Protein backbone atom coordinates (compact mmCIF):
# COMPACT_ATOMS: atom_id res chain seq x y z
CA UNK A 1 2.70 1.16 -21.83
CA UNK A 2 -0.64 2.91 -20.99
CA UNK A 3 -0.80 5.12 -17.96
CA UNK A 4 -2.22 3.68 -14.84
CA UNK A 5 -3.61 5.17 -11.57
CA UNK A 6 -3.79 8.68 -13.11
CA UNK A 7 -5.80 10.04 -10.21
CA UNK A 8 -3.20 9.51 -7.55
CA UNK A 9 -1.35 12.71 -8.53
CA UNK A 10 2.05 11.20 -9.43
CA UNK A 11 2.34 13.25 -12.63
CA UNK A 12 2.00 16.48 -10.63
CA UNK A 13 5.26 15.81 -8.90
CA UNK A 14 8.79 16.65 -9.94
CA UNK A 15 12.16 14.96 -9.49
CA UNK A 16 15.33 16.15 -7.97
CA UNK A 17 18.87 15.48 -9.37
CA UNK A 18 18.89 12.12 -7.71
CA UNK A 19 15.63 10.97 -9.07
CA UNK A 20 13.66 11.46 -5.83
CA UNK A 21 10.15 13.02 -5.89
CA UNK A 22 9.58 16.67 -4.92
CA UNK A 23 6.20 17.88 -3.66
CA UNK A 24 4.82 20.67 -5.92
CA UNK A 25 2.12 23.25 -5.31
CA UNK A 26 0.00 21.51 -7.84
CA UNK A 27 0.15 18.28 -5.96
CA UNK A 28 -0.90 20.07 -2.81
CA UNK A 29 -3.76 21.64 -4.79
CA UNK A 30 -4.96 18.26 -5.91
CA UNK A 31 -5.27 17.27 -2.19
CA UNK A 32 -7.37 20.40 -1.55
CA UNK A 33 -9.71 19.30 -4.36
CA UNK A 34 -10.60 16.06 -2.60
CA UNK A 35 -14.19 15.67 -1.62
CA UNK A 36 -13.28 16.11 2.05
CA UNK A 37 -12.20 19.62 1.48
CA UNK A 38 -13.84 20.88 -1.67
CA UNK A 39 -16.59 23.43 -0.72
CA UNK A 40 -20.20 22.32 -0.93
CA UNK A 41 -23.36 24.49 -1.40
CA UNK A 42 -23.75 24.67 2.44
CA UNK A 43 -20.12 25.91 3.09
CA UNK A 44 -19.90 29.28 4.80
CA UNK A 45 -18.16 32.21 3.25
CA UNK A 46 -15.07 31.85 5.57
CA UNK A 47 -14.56 28.22 4.30
CA UNK A 48 -14.84 29.22 0.73
CA UNK A 49 -12.32 32.13 1.25
CA UNK A 50 -9.91 29.75 3.01
CA UNK A 51 -10.22 27.09 0.28
CA UNK A 52 -9.64 29.69 -2.39
CA UNK A 53 -6.71 31.19 -0.61
CA UNK A 54 -5.05 27.83 -0.18
CA UNK A 55 -5.53 26.94 -3.80
CA UNK A 56 -3.80 30.21 -4.67
CA UNK A 57 -0.95 29.64 -2.22
CA UNK A 58 -1.07 26.08 -0.87
CA UNK A 59 2.06 26.48 1.36
CA UNK A 60 0.84 29.51 3.26
CA UNK A 61 0.59 29.45 7.04
CA UNK A 62 -2.88 29.35 8.29
CA UNK A 63 -3.74 31.03 11.64
CA UNK A 64 -5.76 28.73 13.86
CA UNK A 65 -8.32 31.47 14.21
CA UNK A 66 -9.19 31.06 10.54
CA UNK A 67 -10.11 27.42 11.17
CA UNK A 68 -12.20 28.50 14.24
CA UNK A 69 -14.07 30.94 11.99
CA UNK A 70 -15.41 27.98 9.95
CA UNK A 71 -19.09 27.35 10.83
CA UNK A 72 -18.96 23.57 10.11
CA UNK A 73 -17.30 21.32 12.73
CA UNK A 74 -16.48 18.79 10.19
CA UNK A 75 -14.94 21.24 7.90
CA UNK A 76 -12.67 22.66 10.75
CA UNK A 77 -11.58 19.02 11.55
CA UNK A 78 -10.77 18.31 7.89
CA UNK A 79 -8.69 21.35 7.32
CA UNK A 80 -6.82 20.61 10.46
CA UNK A 81 -6.04 17.12 9.16
CA UNK A 82 -5.00 18.59 5.86
CA UNK A 83 -2.58 21.07 7.38
CA UNK A 84 -1.07 18.43 9.51
CA UNK A 85 -0.63 16.17 6.42
CA UNK A 86 0.95 19.03 4.58
CA UNK A 87 3.49 19.53 7.19
CA UNK A 88 4.32 15.79 7.04
CA UNK A 89 4.68 16.01 3.35
CA UNK A 90 7.08 18.82 3.65
CA UNK A 91 9.07 17.59 6.60
CA UNK A 92 11.98 16.42 4.39
CA UNK A 93 13.26 17.77 1.08
CA UNK A 94 11.90 14.67 -0.76
CA UNK A 95 8.68 12.79 -0.68
CA UNK A 96 10.53 9.57 -0.04
CA UNK A 97 12.19 11.15 3.00
CA UNK A 98 8.88 12.48 4.30
CA UNK A 99 7.26 9.08 3.86
CA UNK A 100 9.93 7.45 5.96
CA UNK A 101 9.77 10.14 8.58
CA UNK A 102 6.05 9.64 8.87
CA UNK A 103 6.63 6.24 10.38
CA UNK A 104 9.41 7.04 12.80
CA UNK A 105 6.85 8.31 15.28
CA UNK A 106 3.17 7.73 15.92
CA UNK A 107 1.39 8.26 12.50
CA UNK A 108 -0.96 11.13 13.08
CA UNK A 109 -2.73 11.25 9.66
CA UNK A 110 -5.58 9.15 8.53
CA UNK A 111 -4.80 5.81 6.75
CA UNK A 112 -6.51 7.00 3.55
CA UNK A 113 -3.75 9.59 3.21
CA UNK A 114 -0.99 7.17 4.15
CA UNK A 115 -2.33 4.88 1.46
CA UNK A 116 -2.45 7.65 -1.09
CA UNK A 117 1.33 8.42 -0.41
CA UNK A 118 2.10 4.74 -0.76
CA UNK A 119 0.26 4.57 -4.09
CA UNK A 120 2.08 7.68 -5.31
CA UNK A 121 5.40 6.13 -4.36
CA UNK A 122 4.59 2.83 -5.93
CA UNK A 123 3.56 4.63 -9.13
CA UNK A 124 7.12 6.01 -9.16
CA UNK A 125 8.67 2.70 -8.30
CA UNK A 126 6.75 0.84 -11.13
CA UNK A 127 7.52 3.65 -13.62
CA UNK A 128 6.67 2.95 -17.23
CA UNK A 129 7.92 -0.63 -17.27
CA UNK A 130 5.52 -2.87 -15.30
CA UNK A 131 3.17 -5.65 -16.29
CA UNK A 132 -0.60 -5.65 -15.42
CA UNK A 133 0.04 -8.34 -12.83
CA UNK A 134 2.84 -6.39 -11.10
CA UNK A 135 0.58 -3.29 -10.94
CA UNK A 136 -2.28 -5.41 -9.53
CA UNK A 137 0.07 -6.95 -7.04
CA UNK A 138 1.25 -3.43 -6.02
CA UNK A 139 -2.38 -2.55 -5.24
CA UNK A 140 -2.07 -4.91 -2.15
CA UNK A 141 0.44 -2.64 -0.63
CA UNK A 142 -1.98 0.30 -0.36
CA UNK A 143 -5.42 -1.12 -0.55
CA UNK A 144 -6.75 -3.67 2.02
CA UNK A 145 -7.73 -6.98 0.43
CA UNK A 146 -10.53 -9.47 1.25
CA UNK A 147 -9.31 -13.10 1.10
CA UNK A 148 -11.53 -16.11 0.30
CA UNK A 149 -10.27 -19.77 0.29
CA UNK A 150 -12.41 -21.69 -2.09
CA UNK A 151 -13.41 -25.32 -1.77
CA UNK A 152 -10.74 -26.37 -4.35
CA UNK A 153 -8.02 -24.63 -2.22
CA UNK A 154 -7.72 -21.52 -4.39
CA UNK A 155 -6.69 -18.53 -2.26
CA UNK A 156 -8.41 -15.50 -3.86
CA UNK A 157 -7.65 -11.86 -3.14
CA UNK A 158 -10.00 -9.12 -3.98
CA UNK A 159 -10.05 -5.32 -3.22
CA UNK A 160 -12.02 -4.99 0.00
CA UNK A 161 -13.79 -1.76 -0.82
CA UNK A 162 -14.73 -2.94 -4.31
CA UNK A 163 -16.14 -6.23 -2.94
CA UNK A 164 -18.18 -4.45 -0.32
CA UNK A 165 -19.59 -2.04 -2.92
CA UNK A 166 -20.48 -4.82 -5.28
CA UNK A 167 -21.93 -6.94 -2.58
CA UNK A 168 -24.15 -3.91 -1.40
CA UNK A 169 -25.28 -3.22 -4.99
CA UNK A 170 -26.11 -6.79 -5.93
CA UNK A 171 -27.40 -7.94 -2.41
CA UNK A 172 -24.88 -10.82 -2.73
CA UNK A 173 -22.68 -11.86 0.03
CA UNK A 174 -18.99 -11.18 -0.16
CA UNK A 175 -18.13 -14.86 -0.03
CA UNK A 176 -20.53 -15.45 -3.02
CA UNK A 177 -18.91 -12.69 -5.06
CA UNK A 178 -15.49 -14.19 -4.59
CA UNK A 179 -16.69 -17.68 -5.36
CA UNK A 180 -18.20 -16.41 -8.64
CA UNK A 181 -14.80 -14.94 -9.54
CA UNK A 182 -13.68 -18.11 -11.14
CA UNK A 183 -16.42 -17.68 -13.94
CA UNK A 184 -15.65 -16.29 -17.35
CA UNK A 185 -14.89 -12.50 -17.46
CA UNK A 186 -18.28 -11.77 -19.06
CA UNK A 187 -20.38 -13.41 -16.42
CA UNK A 188 -18.32 -13.15 -13.22
CA UNK A 189 -19.15 -10.52 -10.52
CA UNK A 190 -15.43 -9.90 -10.33
CA UNK A 191 -12.85 -10.85 -13.04
CA UNK A 192 -9.75 -12.98 -12.27
CA UNK A 193 -6.71 -11.31 -13.68
CA UNK A 194 -4.69 -13.67 -15.96
CA UNK A 195 -2.80 -13.71 -19.28
CA UNK A 196 -5.93 -13.75 -21.42
CA UNK A 197 -7.44 -10.45 -19.95
CA UNK A 198 -4.25 -8.64 -18.73
CA UNK A 199 -4.58 -5.96 -21.27
CA UNK A 200 -7.92 -4.98 -19.89
CA UNK A 201 -6.27 -3.84 -16.65
CA UNK A 202 -4.97 -0.53 -18.07
CA UNK A 203 -8.41 0.84 -18.77
CA UNK A 204 -9.67 -0.32 -15.34
CA UNK A 205 -6.61 0.48 -13.18
CA UNK A 206 -8.55 2.76 -10.84
CA UNK A 207 -11.56 0.46 -10.62
CA UNK A 208 -9.52 -1.95 -8.46
CA UNK A 209 -11.89 -4.73 -9.56
CA UNK A 210 -9.58 -7.64 -10.59
CA UNK A 211 -9.26 -10.69 -8.33
CA UNK A 212 -5.87 -12.65 -8.13
CA UNK A 213 -4.88 -15.98 -6.85
CA UNK A 214 -2.30 -16.05 -4.04
CA UNK A 215 -1.52 -19.75 -4.37
CA UNK A 216 2.16 -20.83 -4.82
CA UNK A 217 3.13 -21.01 -8.39
CA UNK A 218 0.56 -18.33 -9.48
CA UNK A 219 1.84 -15.20 -11.22
CA UNK A 220 0.54 -12.81 -8.60
CA UNK A 221 2.91 -13.93 -5.97
CA UNK A 222 5.83 -13.77 -8.43
CA UNK A 223 4.74 -10.29 -9.34
CA UNK A 224 4.52 -9.26 -5.67
CA UNK A 225 8.07 -10.43 -5.27
CA UNK A 226 9.16 -8.18 -8.18
CA UNK A 227 7.29 -5.24 -6.64
CA UNK A 228 9.01 -5.60 -3.27
CA UNK A 229 12.38 -5.85 -4.95
CA UNK A 230 11.87 -2.52 -6.70
CA UNK A 231 10.30 -0.94 -3.66
CA UNK A 232 13.48 -1.77 -1.57
CA UNK A 233 15.87 -0.84 -4.48
CA UNK A 234 14.10 2.62 -4.78
CA UNK A 235 14.25 3.64 -1.15
CA UNK A 236 17.36 1.84 0.15
CA UNK A 237 19.51 1.53 -3.01
CA UNK A 238 19.88 -2.17 -2.39
CA UNK A 239 19.44 -5.17 -4.74
CA UNK A 240 17.43 -7.97 -3.23
CA UNK A 241 15.96 -11.14 -4.55
CA UNK A 242 12.69 -12.23 -3.19
CA UNK A 243 10.85 -15.62 -3.71
CA UNK A 244 7.94 -17.42 -2.10
CA UNK A 245 8.91 -20.20 0.38
CA UNK A 246 6.98 -23.09 1.55
CA UNK A 247 8.25 -23.09 5.17
CA UNK A 248 11.24 -21.78 7.22
CA UNK A 249 13.48 -24.80 7.58
CA UNK A 250 16.64 -22.88 8.66
CA UNK A 251 18.74 -23.75 11.78
CA UNK A 252 20.31 -20.21 11.28
CA UNK A 253 17.10 -18.24 11.15
CA UNK A 254 18.33 -14.83 12.33
CA UNK A 255 15.97 -12.21 11.01
CA UNK A 256 12.38 -11.86 9.78
CA UNK A 257 9.95 -9.00 8.89
CA UNK A 258 6.23 -9.39 8.96
CA UNK A 259 4.39 -7.56 6.15
CA UNK A 260 1.48 -7.06 8.33
CA UNK A 261 0.54 -7.20 12.04
CA UNK A 262 -0.85 -10.74 11.89
CA UNK A 263 2.28 -12.17 10.15
CA UNK A 264 4.51 -10.27 12.58
CA UNK A 265 2.93 -11.82 15.55
CA UNK A 266 3.24 -15.37 14.15
CA UNK A 267 6.82 -14.92 13.02
CA UNK A 268 7.76 -13.52 16.38
CA UNK A 269 6.29 -16.43 18.21
CA UNK A 270 7.81 -19.07 15.91
CA UNK A 271 11.22 -17.35 16.24
CA UNK A 272 10.87 -17.57 19.97
CA UNK A 273 10.01 -21.23 19.88
CA UNK A 274 6.46 -20.59 21.21
CA UNK A 275 3.38 -22.48 20.17
CA UNK A 276 0.86 -20.58 17.99
CA UNK A 277 -2.86 -20.84 17.87
CA UNK A 278 -3.84 -23.33 15.03
CA UNK A 279 -6.45 -20.79 13.73
CA UNK A 280 -3.72 -18.16 13.62
CA UNK A 281 -1.45 -20.52 11.67
CA UNK A 282 -4.15 -21.21 9.18
CA UNK A 283 -4.41 -17.47 8.45
CA UNK A 284 -0.79 -17.36 7.22
CA UNK A 285 -0.90 -16.76 3.41
CA UNK A 286 2.63 -16.85 2.29
CA UNK A 287 6.29 -16.93 3.36
CA UNK A 288 9.00 -15.25 1.33
CA UNK A 289 12.76 -15.40 1.41
CA UNK A 290 14.76 -12.17 0.70
CA UNK A 291 18.41 -12.45 -0.15
CA UNK A 292 20.74 -9.58 -0.46
CA UNK A 293 23.03 -9.01 -3.36
CA UNK A 294 25.53 -7.17 -1.02
CA UNK A 295 25.58 -9.02 2.29
CA UNK A 296 27.96 -6.38 3.67
CA UNK A 297 24.98 -4.09 3.72
CA UNK A 298 23.52 -5.97 6.63
CA UNK A 299 24.49 -6.17 10.20
CA UNK A 300 27.34 -8.58 10.77
CA UNK A 301 25.33 -11.16 12.58
CA UNK A 302 22.82 -11.20 9.57
CA UNK A 303 25.19 -10.97 6.69
CA UNK A 304 25.04 -13.98 4.49
CA UNK A 305 21.72 -15.09 5.83
CA UNK A 306 18.29 -14.53 4.24
CA UNK A 307 15.56 -12.35 5.73
CA UNK A 308 12.22 -14.11 5.91
CA UNK A 309 9.00 -12.31 5.12
CA UNK A 310 5.41 -13.30 5.58
CA UNK A 311 1.84 -12.06 5.10
CA UNK A 312 -1.31 -13.20 6.83
CA UNK A 313 -5.04 -12.30 6.92
CA UNK A 314 -6.84 -11.35 10.11
CA UNK A 315 -9.86 -12.92 11.74
CA UNK A 316 -12.13 -11.26 9.22
CA UNK A 317 -10.22 -12.55 6.23
CA UNK A 318 -8.61 -9.04 5.62
CA UNK A 319 -5.08 -8.62 4.31
CA UNK A 320 -3.57 -5.29 5.27
CA UNK A 321 0.02 -5.09 4.17
CA UNK A 322 2.46 -2.48 5.55
CA UNK A 323 5.16 -1.82 2.97
CA UNK A 324 6.91 0.56 5.36
CA UNK A 325 8.00 -2.44 7.32
CA UNK A 326 10.36 -3.32 4.51
CA UNK A 327 11.96 0.08 4.86
CA UNK A 328 12.22 0.39 8.62
CA UNK A 329 12.72 -3.18 9.96
CA UNK A 330 15.48 -4.60 7.75
CA UNK A 331 18.79 -5.41 9.57
CA UNK A 332 20.88 -2.82 7.67
CA UNK A 333 24.48 -1.96 8.75
CA UNK A 334 23.82 1.70 8.10
CA UNK A 335 20.41 3.22 8.67
CA UNK A 336 19.68 6.08 6.35
């Protein structure tokens, strides 16, 4: 299978004896080479010296006075963020452990860096045995999506950043771009990923420019279920089965996990028997059912029952999934 997401830095990492990821100096160097930190012609000598020193020894301690010596205020702020992010990366022996630890307190690093970590970990989870649709579905876990509901009822998801960039370049509205996504691949503003053009994904994996349908019965939802299963298995060593659900018709509904803030609010209200705003209900995109192969891994009151999942878009038609919810909010008998 061709490589995908080569720019995320996954191949710069190493593995421990248990198959978990280890942060390397080369991975830290790749972060230093990001545009936010790479010196520019206007950079002062102190900034260039700090950057060169960190490239040479990316784990070294940096005296706060070295940051204060930088003439550019933005550069001082960016290096402070990088150093804080570095400490979060190295907080635990493995990257998986550091990722989990990141969410056990208030997240104090920018979303773009959280998304980068999620992408790297998904690259590990997917390995070299994933379909183009599974990889595209995994994008939804670290890149916000723009949702458009077409006149025929098709629910289309496109990468938000890509849509905004294309709309700005072509002076077309975002809605118009997504409406045109049903055209043939040669003429559409954005291509719909399907069986006929799936092979094209590999050469465009970092373009994030394929649209997918989130309707029930479409392959993107099934692919997302497979990604969620592998995500949970990698982190929690648990085998689960995930499938889309039309509704929660369960007198013994005991646990749920929202995959985003919007879905969490709706599920919490429904669970408490509260009425929800009709507009809020319309923003619900999908329900899922998660079953555990080993019920004894769950809390006694949940064992033998499914866990319901849901995802929803916000008022601006954005879908912002939080895959960490699947790792921190499941009713496990033993928290690791």
